[in-house]
Amino acid sequence: YDFSNKKPVYFDEELEKRSQSFIDRNSTSAIWVINDVRCEDDGN
């Protein structure tokens, strides 16, 4: 999330296709939602 841009930048095309990402201005949160969870999403 670069604060000079309005959209997040993704570094993984496959993950971008099943993700949503945004800044919640009311709660000052950077939220990343990964949909269609797969085994490879397990981790730190």
All heavy atoms as atom14 arrays in JSON, in Angstrom:
{
  "sequence": "YDFSNKKPVYFDEELEKRSQSFIDRNSTSAIWVINDVRCEDDGN",
  "atom14_mask": [
    [1, 1, 1, 1, 1, 1, 1, 1, 1, 1, 1, 1, 0, 0],
    [1, 1, 1, 1, 1, 1, 1, 1, 0, 0, 0, 0, 0, 0],
    [1, 1, 1, 1, 1, 1, 1, 1, 1, 1, 1, 0, 0, 0],
    [1, 1, 1, 1, 1, 1, 0, 0, 0, 0, 0, 0, 0, 0],
    [1, 1, 1, 1, 1, 1, 1, 1, 0, 0, 0, 0, 0, 0],
    [1, 1, 1, 1, 1, 1, 1, 1, 1, 0, 0, 0, 0, 0],
    [1, 1, 1, 1, 1, 1, 1, 1, 1, 0, 0, 0, 0, 0],
    [1, 1, 1, 1, 1, 1, 1, 0, 0, 0, 0, 0, 0, 0],
    [1, 1, 1, 1, 1, 1, 1, 0, 0, 0, 0, 0, 0, 0],
    [1, 1, 1, 1, 1, 1, 1, 1, 1, 1, 1, 1, 0, 0],
    [1, 1, 1, 1, 1, 1, 1, 1, 1, 1, 1, 0, 0, 0],
    [1, 1, 1, 1, 1, 1, 1, 1, 0, 0, 0, 0, 0, 0],
    [1, 1, 1, 1, 1, 1, 1, 1, 1, 0, 0, 0, 0, 0],
    [1, 1, 1, 1, 1, 1, 1, 1, 1, 0, 0, 0, 0, 0],
    [1, 1, 1, 1, 1, 1, 1, 1, 0, 0, 0, 0, 0, 0],
    [1, 1, 1, 1, 1, 1, 1, 1, 1, 0, 0, 0, 0, 0],
    [1, 1, 1, 1, 1, 1, 1, 1, 1, 0, 0, 0, 0, 0],
    [1, 1, 1, 1, 1, 1, 1, 1, 1, 1, 1, 0, 0, 0],
    [1, 1, 1, 1, 1, 1, 0, 0, 0, 0, 0, 0, 0, 0],
    [1, 1, 1, 1, 1, 1, 1, 1, 1, 0, 0, 0, 0, 0],
    [1, 1, 1, 1, 1, 1, 0, 0, 0, 0, 0, 0, 0, 0],
    [1, 1, 1, 1, 1, 1, 1, 1, 1, 1, 1, 0, 0, 0],
    [1, 1, 1, 1, 1, 1, 1, 1, 0, 0, 0, 0, 0, 0],
    [1, 1, 1, 1, 1, 1, 1, 1, 0, 0, 0, 0, 0, 0],
    [1, 1, 1, 1, 1, 1, 1, 1, 1, 1, 1, 0, 0, 0],
    [1, 1, 1, 1, 1, 1, 1, 1, 0, 0, 0, 0, 0, 0],
    [1, 1, 1, 1, 1, 1, 0, 0, 0, 0, 0, 0, 0, 0],
    [1, 1, 1, 1, 1, 1, 1, 0, 0, 0, 0, 0, 0, 0],
    [1, 1, 1, 1, 1, 1, 0, 0, 0, 0, 0, 0, 0, 0],
    [1, 1, 1, 1, 1, 0, 0, 0, 0, 0, 0, 0, 0, 0],
    [1, 1, 1, 1, 1, 1, 1, 1, 0, 0, 0, 0, 0, 0],
    [1, 1, 1, 1, 1, 1, 1, 1, 1, 1, 1, 1, 1, 1],
    [1, 1, 1, 1, 1, 1, 1, 0, 0, 0, 0, 0, 0, 0],
    [1, 1, 1, 1, 1, 1, 1, 1, 0, 0, 0, 0, 0, 0],
    [1, 1, 1, 1, 1, 1, 1, 1, 0, 0, 0, 0, 0, 0],
    [1, 1, 1, 1, 1, 1, 1, 1, 0, 0, 0, 0, 0, 0],
    [1, 1, 1, 1, 1, 1, 1, 0, 0, 0, 0, 0, 0, 0],
    [1, 1, 1, 1, 1, 1, 1, 1, 1, 1, 1, 0, 0, 0],
    [1, 1, 1, 1, 1, 1, 0, 0, 0, 0, 0, 0, 0, 0],
    [1, 1, 1, 1, 1, 1, 1, 1, 1, 0, 0, 0, 0, 0],
    [1, 1, 1, 1, 1, 1, 1, 1, 0, 0, 0, 0, 0, 0],
    [1, 1, 1, 1, 1, 1, 1, 1, 0, 0, 0, 0, 0, 0],
    [1, 1, 1, 1, 0, 0, 0, 0, 0, 0, 0, 0, 0, 0],
    [1, 1, 1, 1, 1, 1, 1, 1, 0, 0, 0, 0, 0, 0]
  ],
  "atom14_positions": [
    [[0.88, -1.17, 0.0], [0.0, 0.0, 0.0], [0.92, 1.22, 0.0], [1.54, 1.53, 1.0], [-0.88, 0.06, 1.25], [-1.65, -1.21, 1.53], [-1.09, -2.24, 2.27], [-2.95, -1.35, 1.06], [-1.8, -3.39, 2.54], [-3.67, -2.51, 1.33], [-3.08, -3.52, 2.07], [-3.78, -4.65, 2.34], [0.0, 0.0, 0.0], [0.0, 0.0, 0.0]],
    [[1.02, 1.88, -1.14], [1.8, 3.11, -1.24], [0.8, 4.26, -1.08], [-0.15, 4.36, -1.83], [2.49, 3.17, -2.6], [3.34, 4.4, -2.77], [3.13, 5.4, -2.05], [4.22, 4.37, -3.64], [0.0, 0.0, 0.0], [0.0, 0.0, 0.0], [0.0, 0.0, 0.0], [0.0, 0.0, 0.0], [0.0, 0.0, 0.0], [0.0, 0.0, 0.0]],
    [[1.03, 5.1, -0.1], [0.03, 6.11, 0.22], [-0.07, 7.22, -0.81], [-0.91, 8.08, -0.7], [0.28, 6.64, 1.62], [-0.26, 5.71, 2.66], [0.05, 4.37, 2.63], [-1.1, 6.16, 3.65], [-0.45, 3.49, 3.56], [-1.62, 5.29, 4.58], [-1.29, 3.95, 4.54], [0.0, 0.0, 0.0], [0.0, 0.0, 0.0], [0.0, 0.0, 0.0]],
    [[0.79, 7.21, -1.83], [0.63, 8.17, -2.92], [-0.27, 7.62, -4.02], [-0.71, 8.35, -4.89], [2.0, 8.55, -3.5], [2.63, 7.42, -4.05], [0.0, 0.0, 0.0], [0.0, 0.0, 0.0], [0.0, 0.0, 0.0], [0.0, 0.0, 0.0], [0.0, 0.0, 0.0], [0.0, 0.0, 0.0], [0.0, 0.0, 0.0], [0.0, 0.0, 0.0]],
    [[-0.57, 6.32, -3.97], [-1.46, 5.68, -4.93], [-2.74, 5.27, -4.23], [-2.76, 5.04, -3.05], [-0.81, 4.42, -5.54], [0.45, 4.75, -6.29], [0.54, 5.78, -6.93], [1.43, 3.88, -6.19], [0.0, 0.0, 0.0], [0.0, 0.0, 0.0], [0.0, 0.0, 0.0], [0.0, 0.0, 0.0], [0.0, 0.0, 0.0], [0.0, 0.0, 0.0]],
    [[-3.81, 5.12, -5.01], [-5.08, 4.74, -4.42], [-5.28, 3.23, -4.38], [-6.06, 2.73, -3.6], [-6.23, 5.39, -5.18], [-6.25, 6.89, -5.03], [-7.47, 7.49, -5.66], [-7.44, 9.0, -5.42], [-8.63, 9.65, -5.88], [0.0, 0.0, 0.0], [0.0, 0.0, 0.0], [0.0, 0.0, 0.0], [0.0, 0.0, 0.0], [0.0, 0.0, 0.0]],
    [[-4.58, 2.49, -5.24], [-4.77, 1.05, -5.3], [-3.55, 0.33, -4.74], [-2.42, 0.78, -4.91], [-4.96, 0.61, -6.75], [-6.26, 1.1, -7.36], [-6.41, 0.55, -8.75], [-7.73, 1.0, -9.35], [-7.91, 0.46, -10.69], [0.0, 0.0, 0.0], [0.0, 0.0, 0.0], [0.0, 0.0, 0.0], [0.0, 0.0, 0.0], [0.0, 0.0, 0.0]],
    [[-3.78, -0.81, -4.11], [-2.63, -1.61, -3.64], [-1.89, -2.22, -4.83], [-2.45, -2.42, -5.9], [-3.28, -2.69, -2.77], [-4.68, -2.78, -3.25], [-5.05, -1.42, -3.76], [0.0, 0.0, 0.0], [0.0, 0.0, 0.0], [0.0, 0.0, 0.0], [0.0, 0.0, 0.0], [0.0, 0.0, 0.0], [0.0, 0.0, 0.0], [0.0, 0.0, 0.0]],
    [[-0.62, -2.5, -4.63], [0.21, -3.16, -5.64], [0.43, -4.59, -5.19], [0.83, -4.83, -4.05], [1.56, -2.43, -5.79], [2.47, -3.18, -6.75], [1.36, -0.99, -6.23], [0.0, 0.0, 0.0], [0.0, 0.0, 0.0], [0.0, 0.0, 0.0], [0.0, 0.0, 0.0], [0.0, 0.0, 0.0], [0.0, 0.0, 0.0], [0.0, 0.0, 0.0]],
    [[0.16, -5.54, -6.09], [0.36, -6.95, -5.8], [1.66, -7.42, -6.45], [1.99, -6.99, -7.55], [-0.8, -7.8, -6.32], [-2.08, -7.61, -5.57], [-2.98, -6.63, -5.93], [-2.38, -8.42, -4.48], [-4.17, -6.45, -5.23], [-3.57, -8.25, -3.78], [-4.44, -7.27, -4.16], [-5.62, -7.09, -3.47], [0.0, 0.0, 0.0], [0.0, 0.0, 0.0]],
    [[2.37, -8.31, -5.79], [3.62, -8.85, -6.31], [3.48, -10.3, -6.76], [4.45, -10.91, -7.16], [4.72, -8.74, -5.25], [5.04, -7.32, -4.89], [4.48, -6.74, -3.77], [5.88, -6.56, -5.68], [4.77, -5.42, -3.44], [6.17, -5.25, -5.36], [5.62, -4.67, -4.24], [0.0, 0.0, 0.0], [0.0, 0.0, 0.0], [0.0, 0.0, 0.0]],
    [[2.27, -10.84, -6.72], [2.02, -12.22, -7.12], [0.71, -12.23, -7.91], [-0.36, -12.02, -7.34], [1.94, -13.12, -5.89], [1.74, -14.58, -6.25], [0.63, -14.93, -6.71], [2.68, -15.35, -6.04], [0.0, 0.0, 0.0], [0.0, 0.0, 0.0], [0.0, 0.0, 0.0], [0.0, 0.0, 0.0], [0.0, 0.0, 0.0], [0.0, 0.0, 0.0]],
    [[0.8, -12.46, -9.22], [-0.37, -12.38, -10.1], [-1.45, -13.39, -9.73], [-2.64, -13.07, -9.71], [0.07, -12.57, -11.55], [-1.05, -12.34, -12.55], [-0.54, -12.46, -13.97], [0.54, -11.91, -14.28], [-1.24, -13.1, -14.78], [0.0, 0.0, 0.0], [0.0, 0.0, 0.0], [0.0, 0.0, 0.0], [0.0, 0.0, 0.0], [0.0, 0.0, 0.0]],
    [[-1.05, -14.63, -9.43], [-2.03, -15.67, -9.09], [-2.78, -15.3, -7.82], [-3.99, -15.44, -7.74], [-1.32, -17.02, -8.93], [-2.25, -18.2, -8.71], [-2.7, -18.36, -7.27], [-1.9, -18.11, -6.35], [-3.88, -18.71, -7.06], [0.0, 0.0, 0.0], [0.0, 0.0, 0.0], [0.0, 0.0, 0.0], [0.0, 0.0, 0.0], [0.0, 0.0, 0.0]],
    [[-2.05, -14.82, -6.82], [-2.7, -14.45, -5.56], [-3.55, -13.19, -5.72], [-4.59, -13.07, -5.08], [-1.64, -14.25, -4.47], [-2.16, -14.22, -3.04], [-3.0, -15.44, -2.71], [-1.0, -14.12, -2.07], [0.0, 0.0, 0.0], [0.0, 0.0, 0.0], [0.0, 0.0, 0.0], [0.0, 0.0, 0.0], [0.0, 0.0, 0.0], [0.0, 0.0, 0.0]],
    [[-3.14, -12.29, -6.59], [-3.94, -11.09, -6.84], [-5.33, -11.44, -7.36], [-6.32, -10.81, -7.0], [-3.23, -10.18, -7.84], [-4.01, -8.92, -8.17], [-3.3, -8.02, -9.15], [-2.25, -8.39, -9.7], [-3.82, -6.91, -9.38], [0.0, 0.0, 0.0], [0.0, 0.0, 0.0], [0.0, 0.0, 0.0], [0.0, 0.0, 0.0], [0.0, 0.0, 0.0]],
    [[-5.43, -12.5, -8.18], [-6.7, -12.9, -8.77], [-7.71, -13.35, -7.72], [-8.91, -13.26, -7.94], [-6.49, -14.02, -9.78], [-5.76, -13.59, -11.02], [-5.51, -14.75, -11.94], [-4.69, -14.33, -13.13], [-4.34, -15.47, -13.99], [0.0, 0.0, 0.0], [0.0, 0.0, 0.0], [0.0, 0.0, 0.0], [0.0, 0.0, 0.0], [0.0, 0.0, 0.0]],
    [[-7.23, -13.82, -6.59], [-8.16, -14.29, -5.56], [-8.05, -13.5, -4.26], [-8.4, -13.98, -3.19], [-7.97, -15.79, -5.33], [-6.62, -16.25, -4.97], [-6.52, -17.78, -4.96], [-5.21, -18.19, -4.53], [-4.89, -18.5, -3.28], [-5.81, -18.5, -2.35], [-3.67, -18.84, -2.97], [0.0, 0.0, 0.0], [0.0, 0.0, 0.0], [0.0, 0.0, 0.0]],
    [[-7.58, -12.25, -4.39], [-7.43, -11.39, -3.21], [-8.19, -10.08, -3.36], [-8.46, -9.64, -4.47], [-5.95, -11.04, -2.99], [-5.18, -12.15, -2.69], [0.0, 0.0, 0.0], [0.0, 0.0, 0.0], [0.0, 0.0, 0.0], [0.0, 0.0, 0.0], [0.0, 0.0, 0.0], [0.0, 0.0, 0.0], [0.0, 0.0, 0.0], [0.0, 0.0, 0.0]],
    [[-8.47, -9.51, -2.23], [-8.97, -8.13, -2.14], [-8.11, -7.45, -1.08], [-7.75, -8.07, -0.08], [-10.42, -8.09, -1.71], [-11.35, -8.8, -2.65], [-12.72, -8.96, -2.01], [-12.83, -9.5, -0.93], [-13.74, -8.49, -2.7], [0.0, 0.0, 0.0], [0.0, 0.0, 0.0], [0.0, 0.0, 0.0], [0.0, 0.0, 0.0], [0.0, 0.0, 0.0]],
    [[-7.81, -6.19, -1.32], [-6.95, -5.51, -0.38], [-7.33, -4.04, -0.35], [-7.57, -3.43, -1.39], [-5.5, -5.68, -0.83], [-4.63, -5.24, 0.14], [0.0, 0.0, 0.0], [0.0, 0.0, 0.0], [0.0, 0.0, 0.0], [0.0, 0.0, 0.0], [0.0, 0.0, 0.0], [0.0, 0.0, 0.0], [0.0, 0.0, 0.0], [0.0, 0.0, 0.0]],
    [[-7.39, -3.47, 0.86], [-7.75, -2.07, 0.97], [-7.33, -1.5, 2.31], [-7.02, -2.23, 3.24], [-9.25, -1.87, 0.74], [-10.13, -2.65, 1.67], [-10.58, -2.09, 2.85], [-10.51, -3.96, 1.36], [-11.39, -2.82, 3.71], [-11.32, -4.68, 2.21], [-11.76, -4.1, 3.38], [0.0, 0.0, 0.0], [0.0, 0.0, 0.0], [0.0, 0.0, 0.0]],
    [[-7.36, -0.19, 2.37], [-7.13, 0.53, 3.62], [-8.49, 0.94, 4.16], [-9.29, 1.55, 3.45], [-6.29, 1.81, 3.39], [-4.92, 1.46, 2.83], [-6.17, 2.63, 4.65], [-3.96, 0.85, 3.8], [0.0, 0.0, 0.0], [0.0, 0.0, 0.0], [0.0, 0.0, 0.0], [0.0, 0.0, 0.0], [0.0, 0.0, 0.0], [0.0, 0.0, 0.0]],
    [[-8.78, 0.58, 5.39], [-10.01, 1.0, 6.06], [-9.68, 2.3, 6.8], [-8.98, 2.29, 7.8], [-10.47, -0.08, 7.03], [-11.76, 0.28, 7.73], [-12.11, 1.47, 7.79], [-12.42, -0.65, 8.21], [0.0, 0.0, 0.0], [0.0, 0.0, 0.0], [0.0, 0.0, 0.0], [0.0, 0.0, 0.0], [0.0, 0.0, 0.0], [0.0, 0.0, 0.0]],
    [[-10.16, 3.39, 6.28], [-9.83, 4.71, 6.84], [-10.44, 4.94, 8.22], [-9.91, 5.68, 9.03], [-10.27, 5.8, 5.89], [-9.53, 5.73, 4.58], [-10.11, 6.69, 3.58], [-9.55, 6.36, 2.27], [-9.36, 7.23, 1.33], [-9.68, 8.48, 1.53], [-8.87, 6.86, 0.18], [0.0, 0.0, 0.0], [0.0, 0.0, 0.0], [0.0, 0.0, 0.0]],
    [[-11.56, 4.3, 8.49], [-12.23, 4.51, 9.79], [-11.49, 3.83, 10.94], [-11.43, 4.35, 12.04], [-13.67, 4.02, 9.74], [-14.5, 4.83, 8.76], [-14.32, 6.04, 8.65], [-15.38, 4.18, 8.04], [0.0, 0.0, 0.0], [0.0, 0.0, 0.0], [0.0, 0.0, 0.0], [0.0, 0.0, 0.0], [0.0, 0.0, 0.0], [0.0, 0.0, 0.0]],
    [[-10.93, 2.65, 10.67], [-10.26, 1.93, 11.75], [-8.75, 1.9, 11.57], [-8.06, 1.24, 12.32], [-10.8, 0.5, 11.83], [-10.44, -0.21, 10.66], [0.0, 0.0, 0.0], [0.0, 0.0, 0.0], [0.0, 0.0, 0.0], [0.0, 0.0, 0.0], [0.0, 0.0, 0.0], [0.0, 0.0, 0.0], [0.0, 0.0, 0.0], [0.0, 0.0, 0.0]],
    [[-8.23, 2.64, 10.59], [-6.8, 2.67, 10.26], [-6.21, 1.27, 10.18], [-5.28, 0.92, 10.89], [-6.0, 3.54, 11.25], [-6.12, 3.0, 12.56], [-6.47, 4.97, 11.23], [0.0, 0.0, 0.0], [0.0, 0.0, 0.0], [0.0, 0.0, 0.0], [0.0, 0.0, 0.0], [0.0, 0.0, 0.0], [0.0, 0.0, 0.0], [0.0, 0.0, 0.0]],
    [[-6.78, 0.47, 9.29], [-6.33, -0.9, 9.09], [-5.97, -1.14, 7.63], [-6.62, -0.61, 6.73], [-7.44, -1.89, 9.47], [-7.71, -1.81, 10.83], [0.0, 0.0, 0.0], [0.0, 0.0, 0.0], [0.0, 0.0, 0.0], [0.0, 0.0, 0.0], [0.0, 0.0, 0.0], [0.0, 0.0, 0.0], [0.0, 0.0, 0.0], [0.0, 0.0, 0.0]],
    [[-4.93, -1.94, 7.41], [-4.59, -2.45, 6.08], [-5.11, -3.87, 6.04], [-4.63, -4.74, 6.76], [-3.09, -2.4, 5.87], [0.0, 0.0, 0.0], [0.0, 0.0, 0.0], [0.0, 0.0, 0.0], [0.0, 0.0, 0.0], [0.0, 0.0, 0.0], [0.0, 0.0, 0.0], [0.0, 0.0, 0.0], [0.0, 0.0, 0.0], [0.0, 0.0, 0.0]],
    [[-6.11, -4.11, 5.22], [-6.81, -5.39, 5.21], [-6.52, -6.12, 3.91], [-6.63, -5.55, 2.82], [-8.33, -5.17, 5.38], [-8.57, -4.47, 6.72], [-9.08, -6.49, 5.29], [-9.96, -3.94, 6.9], [0.0, 0.0, 0.0], [0.0, 0.0, 0.0], [0.0, 0.0, 0.0], [0.0, 0.0, 0.0], [0.0, 0.0, 0.0], [0.0, 0.0, 0.0]],
    [[-6.16, -7.39, 4.05], [-5.89, -8.26, 2.9], [-6.76, -9.5, 3.06], [-6.62, -10.23, 4.03], [-4.42, -8.62, 2.86], [-3.99, -9.46, 1.7], [-4.6, -9.6, 0.49], [-2.82, -10.27, 1.64], [-3.9, -10.44, -0.32], [-2.79, -10.87, 0.35], [-1.8, -10.55, 2.53], [-1.78, -11.73, -0.04], [-0.8, -11.42, 2.13], [-0.78, -11.99, 0.86]],
    [[-7.69, -9.7, 2.12], [-8.58, -10.86, 2.14], [-8.13, -11.82, 1.05], [-8.04, -11.45, -0.12], [-10.05, -10.45, 1.88], [-10.96, -11.67, 1.91], [-10.51, -9.4, 2.89], [0.0, 0.0, 0.0], [0.0, 0.0, 0.0], [0.0, 0.0, 0.0], [0.0, 0.0, 0.0], [0.0, 0.0, 0.0], [0.0, 0.0, 0.0], [0.0, 0.0, 0.0]],
    [[-7.81, -13.04, 1.45], [-7.43, -14.09, 0.49], [-8.62, -15.03, 0.37], [-9.04, -15.65, 1.34], [-6.18, -14.85, 0.96], [-5.0, -13.89, 1.16], [-5.83, -15.96, -0.04], [-3.8, -14.52, 1.81], [0.0, 0.0, 0.0], [0.0, 0.0, 0.0], [0.0, 0.0, 0.0], [0.0, 0.0, 0.0], [0.0, 0.0, 0.0], [0.0, 0.0, 0.0]],
    [[-9.19, -15.09, -0.83], [-10.34, -15.94, -1.11], [-9.88, -17.28, -1.67], [-8.73, -17.42, -2.07], [-11.27, -15.25, -2.11], [-11.8, -13.95, -1.55], [-12.36, -13.89, -0.47], [-11.59, -12.87, -2.29], [0.0, 0.0, 0.0], [0.0, 0.0, 0.0], [0.0, 0.0, 0.0], [0.0, 0.0, 0.0], [0.0, 0.0, 0.0], [0.0, 0.0, 0.0]],
    [[-10.8, -18.24, -1.72], [-10.5, -19.57, -2.26], [-9.21, -20.1, -1.63], [-8.24, -20.43, -2.31], [-10.39, -19.5, -3.79], [-10.24, -20.87, -4.43], [-10.67, -21.88, -3.82], [-9.64, -20.95, -5.52], [0.0, 0.0, 0.0], [0.0, 0.0, 0.0], [0.0, 0.0, 0.0], [0.0, 0.0, 0.0], [0.0, 0.0, 0.0], [0.0, 0.0, 0.0]],
    [[-9.2, -20.16, -0.31], [-8.01, -20.55, 0.44], [-7.5, -21.91, -0.01], [-8.28, -22.83, -0.25], [-8.31, -20.54, 1.95], [-7.16, -21.12, 2.74], [-8.62, -19.14, 2.43], [0.0, 0.0, 0.0], [0.0, 0.0, 0.0], [0.0, 0.0, 0.0], [0.0, 0.0, 0.0], [0.0, 0.0, 0.0], [0.0, 0.0, 0.0], [0.0, 0.0, 0.0]],
    [[-6.17, -22.0, -0.13], [-5.5, -23.22, -0.56], [-4.46, -23.62, 0.47], [-4.06, -22.81, 1.31], [-4.83, -22.99, -1.91], [-5.84, -22.57, -2.96], [-5.18, -22.21, -4.24], [-6.19, -21.72, -5.18], [-5.91, -21.15, -6.31], [-4.66, -20.98, -6.67], [-6.9, -20.74, -7.1], [0.0, 0.0, 0.0], [0.0, 0.0, 0.0], [0.0, 0.0, 0.0]],
    [[-4.0, -24.84, 0.36], [-2.98, -25.34, 1.3], [-1.76, -24.43, 1.33], [-1.18, -24.18, 2.39], [-2.57, -26.75, 0.96], [-3.86, -27.99, 1.22], [0.0, 0.0, 0.0], [0.0, 0.0, 0.0], [0.0, 0.0, 0.0], [0.0, 0.0, 0.0], [0.0, 0.0, 0.0], [0.0, 0.0, 0.0], [0.0, 0.0, 0.0], [0.0, 0.0, 0.0]],
    [[-1.34, -23.92, 0.18], [-0.14, -23.08, 0.12], [-0.31, -21.73, 0.82], [0.68, -21.01, 1.02], [0.33, -22.87, -1.33], [-0.65, -22.18, -2.23], [-1.5, -23.13, -3.08], [-1.66, -24.31, -2.71], [-2.0, -22.68, -4.11], [0.0, 0.0, 0.0], [0.0, 0.0, 0.0], [0.0, 0.0, 0.0], [0.0, 0.0, 0.0], [0.0, 0.0, 0.0]],
    [[-1.52, -21.38, 1.22], [-1.74, -20.14, 1.97], [-1.38, -20.3, 3.44], [-1.29, -19.31, 4.17], [-3.19, -19.67, 1.84], [-3.56, -19.35, 0.41], [-2.68, -18.86, -0.33], [-4.71, -19.59, 0.02], [0.0, 0.0, 0.0], [0.0, 0.0, 0.0], [0.0, 0.0, 0.0], [0.0, 0.0, 0.0], [0.0, 0.0, 0.0], [0.0, 0.0, 0.0]],
    [[-1.18, -21.52, 3.88], [-0.75, -21.79, 5.25], [0.62, -21.16, 5.46], [1.47, -21.2, 4.57], [-0.65, -23.32, 5.42], [-0.37, -23.73, 6.84], [-1.34, -23.85, 7.61], [0.81, -23.94, 7.17], [0.0, 0.0, 0.0], [0.0, 0.0, 0.0], [0.0, 0.0, 0.0], [0.0, 0.0, 0.0], [0.0, 0.0, 0.0], [0.0, 0.0, 0.0]],
    [[0.84, -20.54, 6.6], [2.18, -20.0, 6.86], [2.19, -18.76, 7.71], [1.17, -18.34, 8.27], [0.0, 0.0, 0.0], [0.0, 0.0, 0.0], [0.0, 0.0, 0.0], [0.0, 0.0, 0.0], [0.0, 0.0, 0.0], [0.0, 0.0, 0.0], [0.0, 0.0, 0.0], [0.0, 0.0, 0.0], [0.0, 0.0, 0.0], [0.0, 0.0, 0.0]],
    [[3.37, -18.15, 7.79], [3.59, -16.95, 8.59], [3.54, -15.71, 7.7], [4.22, -15.64, 6.68], [4.95, -17.02, 9.29], [5.01, -18.16, 10.27], [4.11, -18.35, 11.07], [6.08, -18.94, 10.2], [0.0, 0.0, 0.0], [0.0, 0.0, 0.0], [0.0, 0.0, 0.0], [0.0, 0.0, 0.0], [0.0, 0.0, 0.0], [0.0, 0.0, 0.0]]
  ]
}
